[in-house]
Amino acid sequence: MSNDKKVIAVVGATGSQGSGLVRAILADSAQEFSVRAITRNPEGDRGRELARLGVDVVAADLDDPKSVRRAFRGAYGAFCVTNFWEHFSVEREVAQGRAQAEAVAEEGVRHAIWSTLEDTRKLVPLGDQRMPTLQGKYKVPHFDGKGEVEQYFRATGAPVSYLAVSFYWENLIHFGMGPRRTAEGQLTFTLPLGDLPLAGIGAEDIGPSALGLFKQGEAAVGKWIGIAGDQLTGAEMARAMTMALGREVAYEPLSFDAYRSLGFPGADDLGNMFQYYYEFNREVNGARDVEATRALHPELRSFARWLERHGERIPIA
């Protein structure tokens, strides 16, 4: 790769968001950027695959701030992200995000993107009894920690854009949220959202959207941009799955308390998330405009198009 390309350091380069950005940069016809893929294990299968593609693969551990600074050194840009679901600890996620914010500032990165979400406590204070407080000081832990990290990025004064993602449709595949079969054989799709729409996106479309933001350069600095590929009600999602799977899928609304009590790891967090989506549906969806996302990523997929490609991977419980 030519030395005059702007180097983008991509945290989590083998994960859902980072790997999509790596692929988008490699496929970009303009070839404006090159990739520095950051992963804990460059010798793993995914790291080696990136190296075979000609990517510079660098080891760094988000729990080791010095290694993060080394990984960002000399880079034009940095894509910064954390994975709450790896450890379920907000404190650890915040510490990892803060390490990235400090590395961006200290190493003179000229344009960073922080993959963020709303701090739900701004609209649902801890004393609000509509939903339980979790881990002592959070309403939606996997949201609130990322929103908290935003403040560290802002405090550095570094040139940062804030990219807020939507509900991953891959949750239907990997997180057990797909249709389930009743005792009578009916397929049902449950969400605690009543008849309100849910902003969603395919994980593979996040990276290209981030690339679109990097291409905006200085014009994108300081912006908070939410992305989505569609905004659909549970009933509309069920109809789309019916078409894609060739089997009728019925939508079944669920109460927030019932969802919180499902018992899988993170059920209480996700139950609160869906209640936040419901209580503040206009605010959440209003911040995630589909056409604005398509302006960043013209090949953005709708839910129906995502199902054409991935529908067969959705397990039927």
C-alpha atoms as a PDB file:
ATOM      1  CA  MET A   1       0.000   0.000   0.000  1.00  0.00           C
ATOM      2  CA  SER A   2       1.310   3.440  -0.881  1.00  0.00           C
ATOM      3  CA  ASN A   3       2.744   5.545   1.884  1.00  0.00           C
ATOM      4  CA  ASP A   4       0.695   8.623   1.015  1.00  0.00           C
ATOM      5  CA  LYS A   5      -2.576   7.058   2.171  1.00  0.00           C
ATOM      6  CA  LYS A   6      -4.076   8.214   5.432  1.00  0.00           C
ATOM      7  CA  VAL A   7      -3.767   5.481   8.025  1.00  0.00           C
ATOM      8  CA  ILE A   8      -6.943   4.563   9.931  1.00  0.00           C
ATOM      9  CA  ALA A   9      -6.313   2.618  13.139  1.00  0.00           C
ATOM     10  CA  VAL A  10      -9.314   0.322  13.604  1.00  0.00           C
ATOM     11  CA  VAL A  11     -10.002  -0.966  17.104  1.00  0.00           C
ATOM     12  CA  GLY A  12     -11.759  -4.317  17.235  1.00  0.00           C
ATOM     13  CA  ALA A  13     -10.733  -5.043  13.663  1.00  0.00           C
ATOM     14  CA  THR A  14     -11.907  -8.653  13.926  1.00  0.00           C
ATOM     15  CA  GLY A  15     -15.260  -7.723  15.542  1.00  0.00           C
ATOM     16  CA  SER A  16     -18.620  -6.842  14.037  1.00  0.00           C
ATOM     17  CA  GLN A  17     -18.062  -3.107  13.588  1.00  0.00           C
ATOM     18  CA  GLY A  18     -14.306  -2.945  13.058  1.00  0.00           C
ATOM     19  CA  SER A  19     -14.137  -5.772  10.524  1.00  0.00           C
ATOM     20  CA  GLY A  20     -16.801  -4.058   8.432  1.00  0.00           C
ATOM     21  CA  LEU A  21     -14.748  -0.862   8.372  1.00  0.00           C
ATOM     22  CA  VAL A  22     -11.611  -2.783   7.412  1.00  0.00           C
ATOM     23  CA  ARG A  23     -13.440  -4.402   4.476  1.00  0.00           C
ATOM     24  CA  ALA A  24     -14.948  -1.076   3.427  1.00  0.00           C
ATOM     25  CA  ILE A  25     -11.560   0.656   3.356  1.00  0.00           C
ATOM     26  CA  LEU A  26      -9.992  -2.184   1.375  1.00  0.00           C
ATOM     27  CA  ALA A  27     -12.855  -2.136  -1.156  1.00  0.00           C
ATOM     28  CA  ASP A  28     -13.023   1.642  -1.501  1.00  0.00           C
ATOM     29  CA  SER A  29     -12.308   2.663  -5.091  1.00  0.00           C
ATOM     30  CA  ALA A  30     -10.857   5.998  -4.014  1.00  0.00           C
ATOM     31  CA  GLN A  31      -8.150   4.235  -1.957  1.00  0.00           C
ATOM     32  CA  GLU A  32      -7.810   7.328   0.219  1.00  0.00           C
ATOM     33  CA  PHE A  33      -7.060   5.358   3.382  1.00  0.00           C
ATOM     34  CA  SER A  34      -5.033   2.371   4.511  1.00  0.00           C
ATOM     35  CA  VAL A  35      -5.840   0.164   7.486  1.00  0.00           C
ATOM     36  CA  ARG A  36      -4.032  -0.521  10.710  1.00  0.00           C
ATOM     37  CA  ALA A  37      -6.030  -3.365  12.206  1.00  0.00           C
ATOM     38  CA  ILE A  38      -5.878  -3.472  15.998  1.00  0.00           C
ATOM     39  CA  THR A  39      -6.634  -6.726  17.761  1.00  0.00           C
ATOM     40  CA  ARG A  40      -5.557  -8.502  20.919  1.00  0.00           C
ATOM     41  CA  ASN A  41      -4.477 -11.559  18.985  1.00  0.00           C
ATOM     42  CA  PRO A  42      -2.846 -10.878  15.599  1.00  0.00           C
ATOM     43  CA  GLU A  43      -1.917 -14.567  15.368  1.00  0.00           C
ATOM     44  CA  GLY A  44      -5.531 -15.721  15.563  1.00  0.00           C
ATOM     45  CA  ASP A  45      -7.334 -16.943  12.458  1.00  0.00           C
ATOM     46  CA  ARG A  46      -9.019 -13.591  11.799  1.00  0.00           C
ATOM     47  CA  GLY A  47      -5.834 -11.622  12.377  1.00  0.00           C
ATOM     48  CA  ARG A  48      -3.911 -13.836   9.995  1.00  0.00           C
ATOM     49  CA  GLU A  49      -6.633 -13.491   7.372  1.00  0.00           C
ATOM     50  CA  LEU A  50      -6.338  -9.696   7.572  1.00  0.00           C
ATOM     51  CA  ALA A  51      -2.567  -9.950   7.207  1.00  0.00           C
ATOM     52  CA  ARG A  52      -3.039 -12.110   4.089  1.00  0.00           C
ATOM     53  CA  LEU A  53      -5.119  -9.277   2.643  1.00  0.00           C
ATOM     54  CA  GLY A  54      -2.169  -6.934   3.081  1.00  0.00           C
ATOM     55  CA  VAL A  55      -3.458  -5.210   6.205  1.00  0.00           C
ATOM     56  CA  ASP A  56      -1.048  -3.992   8.872  1.00  0.00           C
ATOM     57  CA  VAL A  57      -2.181  -5.986  11.929  1.00  0.00           C
ATOM     58  CA  VAL A  58      -1.106  -4.568  15.310  1.00  0.00           C
ATOM     59  CA  ALA A  59      -1.514  -6.027  18.786  1.00  0.00           C
ATOM     60  CA  ALA A  60      -3.117  -3.911  21.504  1.00  0.00           C
ATOM     61  CA  ASP A  61      -5.187  -4.620  24.594  1.00  0.00           C
ATOM     62  CA  LEU A  62      -7.831  -2.052  25.549  1.00  0.00           C
ATOM     63  CA  ASP A  63      -7.111  -2.820  29.199  1.00  0.00           C
ATOM     64  CA  ASP A  64      -3.511  -1.634  28.601  1.00  0.00           C
ATOM     65  CA  PRO A  65      -3.582   2.120  27.764  1.00  0.00           C
ATOM     66  CA  LYS A  66       0.093   2.161  26.771  1.00  0.00           C
ATOM     67  CA  SER A  67      -0.526  -0.449  24.088  1.00  0.00           C
ATOM     68  CA  VAL A  68      -3.459   1.597  22.756  1.00  0.00           C
ATOM     69  CA  ARG A  69      -1.280   4.706  22.464  1.00  0.00           C
ATOM     70  CA  ARG A  70       1.359   2.730  20.584  1.00  0.00           C
ATOM     71  CA  ALA A  71      -1.293   1.366  18.236  1.00  0.00           C
ATOM     72  CA  PHE A  72      -2.607   4.886  17.465  1.00  0.00           C
ATOM     73  CA  ARG A  73       0.821   6.453  17.014  1.00  0.00           C
ATOM     74  CA  GLY A  74       1.251   8.080  13.604  1.00  0.00           C
ATOM     75  CA  ALA A  75      -2.295   7.326  12.472  1.00  0.00           C
ATOM     76  CA  TYR A  76      -4.415   9.947  10.734  1.00  0.00           C
ATOM     77  CA  GLY A  77      -7.658   8.476  12.035  1.00  0.00           C
ATOM     78  CA  ALA A  78      -8.915   6.039  14.638  1.00  0.00           C
ATOM     79  CA  PHE A  79     -12.132   4.056  14.899  1.00  0.00           C
ATOM     80  CA  CYS A  80     -12.775   3.558  18.595  1.00  0.00           C
ATOM     81  CA  VAL A  81     -15.154   0.955  19.977  1.00  0.00           C
ATOM     82  CA  THR A  82     -15.761  -1.266  23.004  1.00  0.00           C
ATOM     83  CA  ASN A  83     -17.676  -4.510  23.523  1.00  0.00           C
ATOM     84  CA  PHE A  84     -19.776  -4.492  26.702  1.00  0.00           C
ATOM     85  CA  TRP A  85     -21.177  -7.961  25.968  1.00  0.00           C
ATOM     86  CA  GLU A  86     -17.714  -9.489  26.253  1.00  0.00           C
ATOM     87  CA  HIS A  87     -17.578  -8.860  30.010  1.00  0.00           C
ATOM     88  CA  PHE A  88     -20.837  -7.099  31.112  1.00  0.00           C
ATOM     89  CA  SER A  89     -18.844  -4.526  33.131  1.00  0.00           C
ATOM     90  CA  VAL A  90     -19.631  -0.836  32.605  1.00  0.00           C
ATOM     91  CA  GLU A  91     -16.596   0.170  34.659  1.00  0.00           C
ATOM     92  CA  ARG A  92     -14.307  -1.843  32.401  1.00  0.00           C
ATOM     93  CA  GLU A  93     -15.986  -0.505  29.270  1.00  0.00           C
ATOM     94  CA  VAL A  94     -15.599   3.082  30.482  1.00  0.00           C
ATOM     95  CA  ALA A  95     -11.935   2.492  31.320  1.00  0.00           C
ATOM     96  CA  GLN A  96     -11.332   1.032  27.853  1.00  0.00           C
ATOM     97  CA  GLY A  97     -13.105   3.951  26.198  1.00  0.00           C
ATOM     98  CA  ARG A  98     -11.178   6.467  28.274  1.00  0.00           C
ATOM     99  CA  ALA A  99      -7.900   4.810  27.249  1.00  0.00           C
ATOM    100  CA  GLN A 100      -8.849   5.315  23.608  1.00  0.00           C
ATOM    101  CA  ALA A 101      -9.899   8.931  24.173  1.00  0.00           C
ATOM    102  CA  GLU A 102      -6.585   9.706  25.844  1.00  0.00           C
ATOM    103  CA  ALA A 103      -4.635   7.919  23.099  1.00  0.00           C
ATOM    104  CA  VAL A 104      -6.439   9.944  20.405  1.00  0.00           C
ATOM    105  CA  ALA A 105      -5.469  13.190  22.139  1.00  0.00           C
ATOM    106  CA  GLU A 106      -1.939  12.251  23.136  1.00  0.00           C
ATOM    107  CA  GLU A 107      -0.965  10.800  19.760  1.00  0.00           C
ATOM    108  CA  GLY A 108      -2.402  13.677  17.738  1.00  0.00           C
ATOM    109  CA  VAL A 109      -4.963  11.643  15.791  1.00  0.00           C
ATOM    110  CA  ARG A 110      -6.583  14.066  13.342  1.00  0.00           C
ATOM    111  CA  HIS A 111     -10.001  12.436  13.111  1.00  0.00           C
ATOM    112  CA  ALA A 112     -11.454   9.821  15.457  1.00  0.00           C
ATOM    113  CA  ILE A 113     -14.847   8.149  15.507  1.00  0.00           C
ATOM    114  CA  TRP A 114     -16.295   6.962  18.801  1.00  0.00           C
ATOM    115  CA  SER A 115     -18.923   4.236  18.381  1.00  0.00           C
ATOM    116  CA  THR A 116     -21.433   5.431  20.925  1.00  0.00           C
ATOM    117  CA  LEU A 117     -24.963   5.202  22.311  1.00  0.00           C
ATOM    118  CA  GLU A 118     -27.142   7.513  24.355  1.00  0.00           C
ATOM    119  CA  ASP A 119     -26.609   7.918  28.089  1.00  0.00           C
ATOM    120  CA  THR A 120     -30.181   7.003  28.996  1.00  0.00           C
ATOM    121  CA  ARG A 121     -29.860   8.619  32.435  1.00  0.00           C
ATOM    122  CA  LYS A 122     -30.272  12.018  30.786  1.00  0.00           C
ATOM    123  CA  LEU A 123     -33.932  11.144  30.150  1.00  0.00           C
ATOM    124  CA  VAL A 124     -34.420   8.507  32.853  1.00  0.00           C
ATOM    125  CA  PRO A 125     -32.685   9.692  36.042  1.00  0.00           C
ATOM    126  CA  LEU A 126     -31.639   7.021  38.522  1.00  0.00           C
ATOM    127  CA  GLY A 127     -34.498   7.994  40.801  1.00  0.00           C
ATOM    128  CA  ASP A 128     -37.061   7.366  38.041  1.00  0.00           C
ATOM    129  CA  GLN A 129     -38.973   4.224  39.000  1.00  0.00           C
ATOM    130  CA  ARG A 130     -40.242   3.431  35.492  1.00  0.00           C
ATOM    131  CA  MET A 131     -37.405   0.957  35.119  1.00  0.00           C
ATOM    132  CA  PRO A 132     -35.008  -0.622  37.616  1.00  0.00           C
ATOM    133  CA  THR A 133     -31.543   0.768  38.235  1.00  0.00           C
ATOM    134  CA  LEU A 134     -28.863  -1.777  37.299  1.00  0.00           C
ATOM    135  CA  GLN A 135     -25.313  -2.300  38.552  1.00  0.00           C
ATOM    136  CA  GLY A 136     -25.996   0.391  41.141  1.00  0.00           C
ATOM    137  CA  LYS A 137     -25.913   3.442  38.877  1.00  0.00           C
ATOM    138  CA  TYR A 138     -27.156   2.673  35.361  1.00  0.00           C
ATOM    139  CA  LYS A 139     -30.494   2.327  33.618  1.00  0.00           C
ATOM    140  CA  VAL A 140     -29.272   0.706  30.390  1.00  0.00           C
ATOM    141  CA  PRO A 141     -25.680  -0.291  31.197  1.00  0.00           C
ATOM    142  CA  HIS A 142     -24.498  -1.031  27.658  1.00  0.00           C
ATOM    143  CA  PHE A 143     -25.813   2.390  26.563  1.00  0.00           C
ATOM    144  CA  ASP A 144     -24.866   4.500  29.554  1.00  0.00           C
ATOM    145  CA  GLY A 145     -21.195   3.513  29.635  1.00  0.00           C
ATOM    146  CA  LYS A 146     -20.681   4.528  26.018  1.00  0.00           C
ATOM    147  CA  GLY A 147     -22.494   7.805  26.617  1.00  0.00           C
ATOM    148  CA  GLU A 148     -20.273   8.404  29.631  1.00  0.00           C
ATOM    149  CA  VAL A 149     -17.148   7.837  27.541  1.00  0.00           C
ATOM    150  CA  GLU A 150     -18.353  10.552  25.148  1.00  0.00           C
ATOM    151  CA  GLN A 151     -17.607  13.063  27.875  1.00  0.00           C
ATOM    152  CA  TYR A 152     -13.977  11.921  28.041  1.00  0.00           C
ATOM    153  CA  PHE A 153     -13.621  12.333  24.285  1.00  0.00           C
ATOM    154  CA  ARG A 154     -15.183  15.798  24.413  1.00  0.00           C
ATOM    155  CA  ALA A 155     -12.980  16.850  27.309  1.00  0.00           C
ATOM    156  CA  THR A 156      -9.806  16.090  25.338  1.00  0.00           C
ATOM    157  CA  GLY A 157     -10.708  18.646  22.678  1.00  0.00           C
ATOM    158  CA  ALA A 158      -9.596  16.112  20.062  1.00  0.00           C
ATOM    159  CA  PRO A 159     -11.306  16.023  16.628  1.00  0.00           C
ATOM    160  CA  VAL A 160     -13.954  13.343  17.183  1.00  0.00           C
ATOM    161  CA  SER A 161     -17.180  12.282  15.463  1.00  0.00           C
ATOM    162  CA  TYR A 162     -19.798  10.278  17.365  1.00  0.00           C
ATOM    163  CA  LEU A 163     -21.438   7.382  15.518  1.00  0.00           C
ATOM    164  CA  ALA A 164     -24.498   5.882  17.226  1.00  0.00           C
ATOM    165  CA  VAL A 165     -25.601   2.498  15.959  1.00  0.00           C
ATOM    166  CA  SER A 166     -29.044   0.870  16.029  1.00  0.00           C
ATOM    167  CA  PHE A 167     -30.412  -2.528  17.000  1.00  0.00           C
ATOM    168  CA  TYR A 168     -28.340  -5.191  15.208  1.00  0.00           C
ATOM    169  CA  TRP A 169     -30.482  -7.466  13.052  1.00  0.00           C
ATOM    170  CA  GLU A 170     -27.771 -10.066  13.712  1.00  0.00           C
ATOM    171  CA  ASN A 171     -29.333 -10.334  17.177  1.00  0.00           C
ATOM    172  CA  LEU A 172     -31.927 -12.508  15.454  1.00  0.00           C
ATOM    173  CA  ILE A 173     -29.117 -14.928  14.599  1.00  0.00           C
ATOM    174  CA  HIS A 174     -26.694 -14.765  17.516  1.00  0.00           C
ATOM    175  CA  PHE A 175     -28.627 -13.429  20.499  1.00  0.00           C
ATOM    176  CA  GLY A 176     -31.641 -15.716  20.505  1.00  0.00           C
ATOM    177  CA  MET A 177     -34.073 -13.001  19.415  1.00  0.00           C
ATOM    178  CA  GLY A 178     -35.348 -14.775  16.315  1.00  0.00           C
ATOM    179  CA  PRO A 179     -38.736 -16.478  15.898  1.00  0.00           C
ATOM    180  CA  ARG A 180     -39.646 -19.264  18.298  1.00  0.00           C
ATOM    181  CA  ARG A 181     -41.966 -22.179  17.714  1.00  0.00           C
ATOM    182  CA  THR A 182     -44.985 -22.533  19.998  1.00  0.00           C
ATOM    183  CA  ALA A 183     -46.340 -25.872  21.196  1.00  0.00           C
ATOM    184  CA  GLU A 184     -48.857 -25.621  18.365  1.00  0.00           C
ATOM    185  CA  GLY A 185     -46.085 -25.152  15.806  1.00  0.00           C
ATOM    186  CA  GLN A 186     -46.714 -21.439  15.163  1.00  0.00           C
ATOM    187  CA  LEU A 187     -43.637 -19.242  14.710  1.00  0.00           C
ATOM    188  CA  THR A 188     -43.773 -16.152  16.932  1.00  0.00           C
ATOM    189  CA  PHE A 189     -41.492 -13.147  17.071  1.00  0.00           C
ATOM    190  CA  THR A 190     -41.552 -11.308  20.389  1.00  0.00           C
ATOM    191  CA  LEU A 191     -40.437  -7.777  21.221  1.00  0.00           C
ATOM    192  CA  PRO A 192     -41.437  -5.541  24.142  1.00  0.00           C
ATOM    193  CA  LEU A 193     -42.237  -2.595  21.860  1.00  0.00           C
ATOM    194  CA  GLY A 194     -46.001  -2.711  21.376  1.00  0.00           C
ATOM    195  CA  ASP A 195     -46.770  -1.264  17.944  1.00  0.00           C
ATOM    196  CA  LEU A 196     -43.897   1.240  17.843  1.00  0.00           C
ATOM    197  CA  PRO A 197     -41.042   1.066  15.306  1.00  0.00           C
ATOM    198  CA  LEU A 198     -37.514  -0.085  16.080  1.00  0.00           C
ATOM    199  CA  ALA A 199     -34.498   1.438  14.320  1.00  0.00           C
ATOM    200  CA  GLY A 200     -32.266  -1.387  13.126  1.00  0.00           C
ATOM    201  CA  ILE A 201     -29.245  -2.054  10.951  1.00  0.00           C
ATOM    202  CA  GLY A 202     -27.145  -4.907   9.619  1.00  0.00           C
ATOM    203  CA  ALA A 203     -23.779  -4.993  11.378  1.00  0.00           C
ATOM    204  CA  GLU A 204     -22.031  -5.206   8.006  1.00  0.00           C
ATOM    205  CA  ASP A 205     -23.385  -1.731   7.128  1.00  0.00           C
ATOM    206  CA  ILE A 206     -21.820  -0.017  10.152  1.00  0.00           C
ATOM    207  CA  GLY A 207     -18.262  -0.083   8.809  1.00  0.00           C
ATOM    208  CA  PRO A 208     -19.124   1.471   5.430  1.00  0.00           C
ATOM    209  CA  SER A 209     -21.128   4.156   7.263  1.00  0.00           C
ATOM    210  CA  ALA A 210     -18.086   4.911   9.399  1.00  0.00           C
ATOM    211  CA  LEU A 211     -15.963   5.163   6.254  1.00  0.00           C
ATOM    212  CA  GLY A 212     -18.441   7.691   4.869  1.00  0.00           C
ATOM    213  CA  LEU A 213     -17.949   9.722   8.024  1.00  0.00           C
ATOM    214  CA  PHE A 214     -14.156   9.549   7.724  1.00  0.00           C
ATOM    215  CA  LYS A 215     -14.475  10.782   4.137  1.00  0.00           C
ATOM    216  CA  GLN A 216     -16.261  13.912   5.383  1.00  0.00           C
ATOM    217  CA  GLY A 217     -13.104  14.824   7.305  1.00  0.00           C
ATOM    218  CA  GLU A 218     -13.201  18.058   9.293  1.00  0.00           C
ATOM    219  CA  ALA A 219     -16.842  18.668   8.367  1.00  0.00           C
ATOM    220  CA  ALA A 220     -17.803  15.650  10.503  1.00  0.00           C
ATOM    221  CA  VAL A 221     -15.840  16.629  13.606  1.00  0.00           C
ATOM    222  CA  GLY A 222     -18.074  17.196  16.607  1.00  0.00           C
ATOM    223  CA  LYS A 223     -21.131  15.653  14.941  1.00  0.00           C
ATOM    224  CA  TRP A 224     -23.315  13.053  16.702  1.00  0.00           C
ATOM    225  CA  ILE A 225     -24.783  10.868  13.963  1.00  0.00           C
ATOM    226  CA  GLY A 226     -27.153   7.940  14.424  1.00  0.00           C
ATOM    227  CA  ILE A 227     -27.392   5.313  11.695  1.00  0.00           C
ATOM    228  CA  ALA A 228     -30.163   2.881  10.722  1.00  0.00           C
ATOM    229  CA  GLY A 229     -31.099   0.746   7.735  1.00  0.00           C
ATOM    230  CA  ASP A 230     -34.806   0.629   8.555  1.00  0.00           C
ATOM    231  CA  GLN A 231     -37.373   1.608  11.176  1.00  0.00           C
ATOM    232  CA  LEU A 232     -39.999  -1.126  11.493  1.00  0.00           C
ATOM    233  CA  THR A 233     -42.610  -2.240  13.980  1.00  0.00           C
ATOM    234  CA  GLY A 234     -42.502  -5.771  15.347  1.00  0.00           C
ATOM    235  CA  ALA A 235     -45.440  -6.671  13.115  1.00  0.00           C
ATOM    236  CA  GLU A 236     -43.638  -5.305  10.043  1.00  0.00           C
ATOM    237  CA  MET A 237     -40.491  -7.258  10.940  1.00  0.00           C
ATOM    238  CA  ALA A 238     -42.586 -10.416  11.358  1.00  0.00           C
ATOM    239  CA  ARG A 239     -44.162  -9.900   7.915  1.00  0.00           C
ATOM    240  CA  ALA A 240     -40.720  -9.431   6.356  1.00  0.00           C
ATOM    241  CA  MET A 241     -39.518 -12.653   8.003  1.00  0.00           C
ATOM    242  CA  THR A 242     -42.633 -14.449   6.769  1.00  0.00           C
ATOM    243  CA  MET A 243     -41.734 -13.465   3.196  1.00  0.00           C
ATOM    244  CA  ALA A 244     -38.056 -14.351   3.588  1.00  0.00           C
ATOM    245  CA  LEU A 245     -38.452 -17.636   5.467  1.00  0.00           C
ATOM    246  CA  GLY A 246     -41.481 -18.880   3.557  1.00  0.00           C
ATOM    247  CA  ARG A 247     -43.239 -19.647   6.855  1.00  0.00           C
ATOM    248  CA  GLU A 248     -45.718 -17.466   8.676  1.00  0.00           C
ATOM    249  CA  VAL A 249     -44.224 -15.547  11.569  1.00  0.00           C
ATOM    250  CA  ALA A 250     -46.615 -13.834  13.981  1.00  0.00           C
ATOM    251  CA  TYR A 251     -45.637 -10.858  16.095  1.00  0.00           C
ATOM    252  CA  GLU A 252     -46.244 -11.200  19.829  1.00  0.00           C
ATOM    253  CA  PRO A 253     -45.735  -8.078  21.986  1.00  0.00           C
ATOM    254  CA  LEU A 254     -44.197  -8.710  25.399  1.00  0.00           C
ATOM    255  CA  SER A 255     -44.203  -6.590  28.545  1.00  0.00           C
ATOM    256  CA  PHE A 256     -40.965  -5.008  29.711  1.00  0.00           C
ATOM    257  CA  ASP A 257     -41.102  -6.863  33.033  1.00  0.00           C
ATOM    258  CA  ALA A 258     -41.649 -10.172  31.246  1.00  0.00           C
ATOM    259  CA  TYR A 259     -38.621  -9.528  29.037  1.00  0.00           C
ATOM    260  CA  ARG A 260     -36.456  -8.538  32.015  1.00  0.00           C
ATOM    261  CA  SER A 261     -37.373 -11.815  33.711  1.00  0.00           C
ATOM    262  CA  LEU A 262     -36.380 -14.085  30.815  1.00  0.00           C
ATOM    263  CA  GLY A 263     -33.236 -15.016  32.702  1.00  0.00           C
ATOM    264  CA  PHE A 264     -30.509 -14.963  30.046  1.00  0.00           C
ATOM    265  CA  PRO A 265     -27.388 -12.857  30.740  1.00  0.00           C
ATOM    266  CA  GLY A 266     -28.232  -9.219  30.041  1.00  0.00           C
ATOM    267  CA  ALA A 267     -32.022  -9.713  29.930  1.00  0.00           C
ATOM    268  CA  ASP A 268     -32.569  -6.931  32.474  1.00  0.00           C
ATOM    269  CA  ASP A 269     -30.304  -4.578  30.501  1.00  0.00           C
ATOM    270  CA  LEU A 270     -32.112  -5.319  27.232  1.00  0.00           C
ATOM    271  CA  GLY A 271     -35.529  -5.083  28.883  1.00  0.00           C
ATOM    272  CA  ASN A 272     -34.624  -1.600  30.052  1.00  0.00           C
ATOM    273  CA  MET A 273     -33.269  -0.792  26.585  1.00  0.00           C
ATOM    274  CA  PHE A 274     -36.537  -1.734  24.916  1.00  0.00           C
ATOM    275  CA  GLN A 275     -38.469   0.277  27.493  1.00  0.00           C
ATOM    276  CA  TYR A 276     -36.234   3.257  26.719  1.00  0.00           C
ATOM    277  CA  TYR A 277     -36.915   2.737  23.006  1.00  0.00           C
ATOM    278  CA  TYR A 278     -40.638   2.654  23.776  1.00  0.00           C
ATOM    279  CA  GLU A 279     -40.790   5.598  26.188  1.00  0.00           C
ATOM    280  CA  PHE A 280     -38.613   7.786  23.958  1.00  0.00           C
ATOM    281  CA  ASN A 281     -39.356   6.309  20.549  1.00  0.00           C
ATOM    282  CA  ARG A 282     -39.496   9.656  18.785  1.00  0.00           C
ATOM    283  CA  GLU A 283     -36.141  10.752  20.201  1.00  0.00           C
ATOM    284  CA  VAL A 284     -34.343   7.460  19.497  1.00  0.00           C
ATOM    285  CA  ASN A 285     -35.667   7.021  15.959  1.00  0.00           C
ATOM    286  CA  GLY A 286     -35.395  10.716  15.198  1.00  0.00           C
ATOM    287  CA  ALA A 287     -31.669  10.512  15.889  1.00  0.00           C
ATOM    288  CA  ARG A 288     -31.265   7.620  13.414  1.00  0.00           C
ATOM    289  CA  ASP A 289     -32.357   8.792   9.983  1.00  0.00           C
ATOM    290  CA  VAL A 290     -32.297   6.138   7.276  1.00  0.00           C
ATOM    291  CA  GLU A 291     -31.775   8.559   4.372  1.00  0.00           C
ATOM    292  CA  ALA A 292     -28.963  10.341   6.214  1.00  0.00           C
ATOM    293  CA  THR A 293     -27.354   6.939   6.728  1.00  0.00           C
ATOM    294  CA  ARG A 294     -27.739   6.161   3.033  1.00  0.00           C
ATOM    295  CA  ALA A 295     -25.939   9.422   2.246  1.00  0.00           C
ATOM    296  CA  LEU A 296     -22.946   8.026   4.148  1.00  0.00           C
ATOM    297  CA  HIS A 297     -23.340   4.531   2.690  1.00  0.00           C
ATOM    298  CA  PRO A 298     -25.267   4.364  -0.612  1.00  0.00           C
ATOM    299  CA  GLU A 299     -25.402   0.540  -0.571  1.00  0.00           C
ATOM    300  CA  LEU A 300     -27.227   0.517   2.774  1.00  0.00           C
ATOM    301  CA  ARG A 301     -29.504  -2.525   3.178  1.00  0.00           C
ATOM    302  CA  SER A 302     -33.112  -2.460   4.312  1.00  0.00           C
ATOM    303  CA  PHE A 303     -34.341  -5.225   6.624  1.00  0.00           C
ATOM    304  CA  ALA A 304     -35.868  -7.032   3.648  1.00  0.00           C
ATOM    305  CA  ARG A 305     -32.563  -6.925   1.768  1.00  0.00           C
ATOM    306  CA  TRP A 306     -30.688  -8.046   4.871  1.00  0.00           C
ATOM    307  CA  LEU A 307     -33.057 -11.012   5.164  1.00  0.00           C
ATOM    308  CA  GLU A 308     -32.415 -11.957   1.520  1.00  0.00           C
ATOM    309  CA  ARG A 309     -28.776 -12.417   2.419  1.00  0.00           C
ATOM    310  CA  HIS A 310     -28.972 -13.709   5.988  1.00  0.00           C
ATOM    311  CA  GLY A 311     -32.500 -15.001   6.597  1.00  0.00           C
ATOM    312  CA  GLU A 312     -31.497 -18.650   6.299  1.00  0.00           C
ATOM    313  CA  ARG A 313     -29.018 -18.176   9.169  1.00  0.00           C
ATOM    314  CA  ILE A 314     -31.758 -17.272  11.661  1.00  0.00           C
ATOM    315  CA  PRO A 315     -32.217 -20.312  13.945  1.00  0.00           C
ATOM    316  CA  ILE A 316     -35.775 -21.336  14.731  1.00  0.00           C
ATOM    317  CA  ALA A 317     -35.967 -22.242  18.441  1.00  0.00           C
END
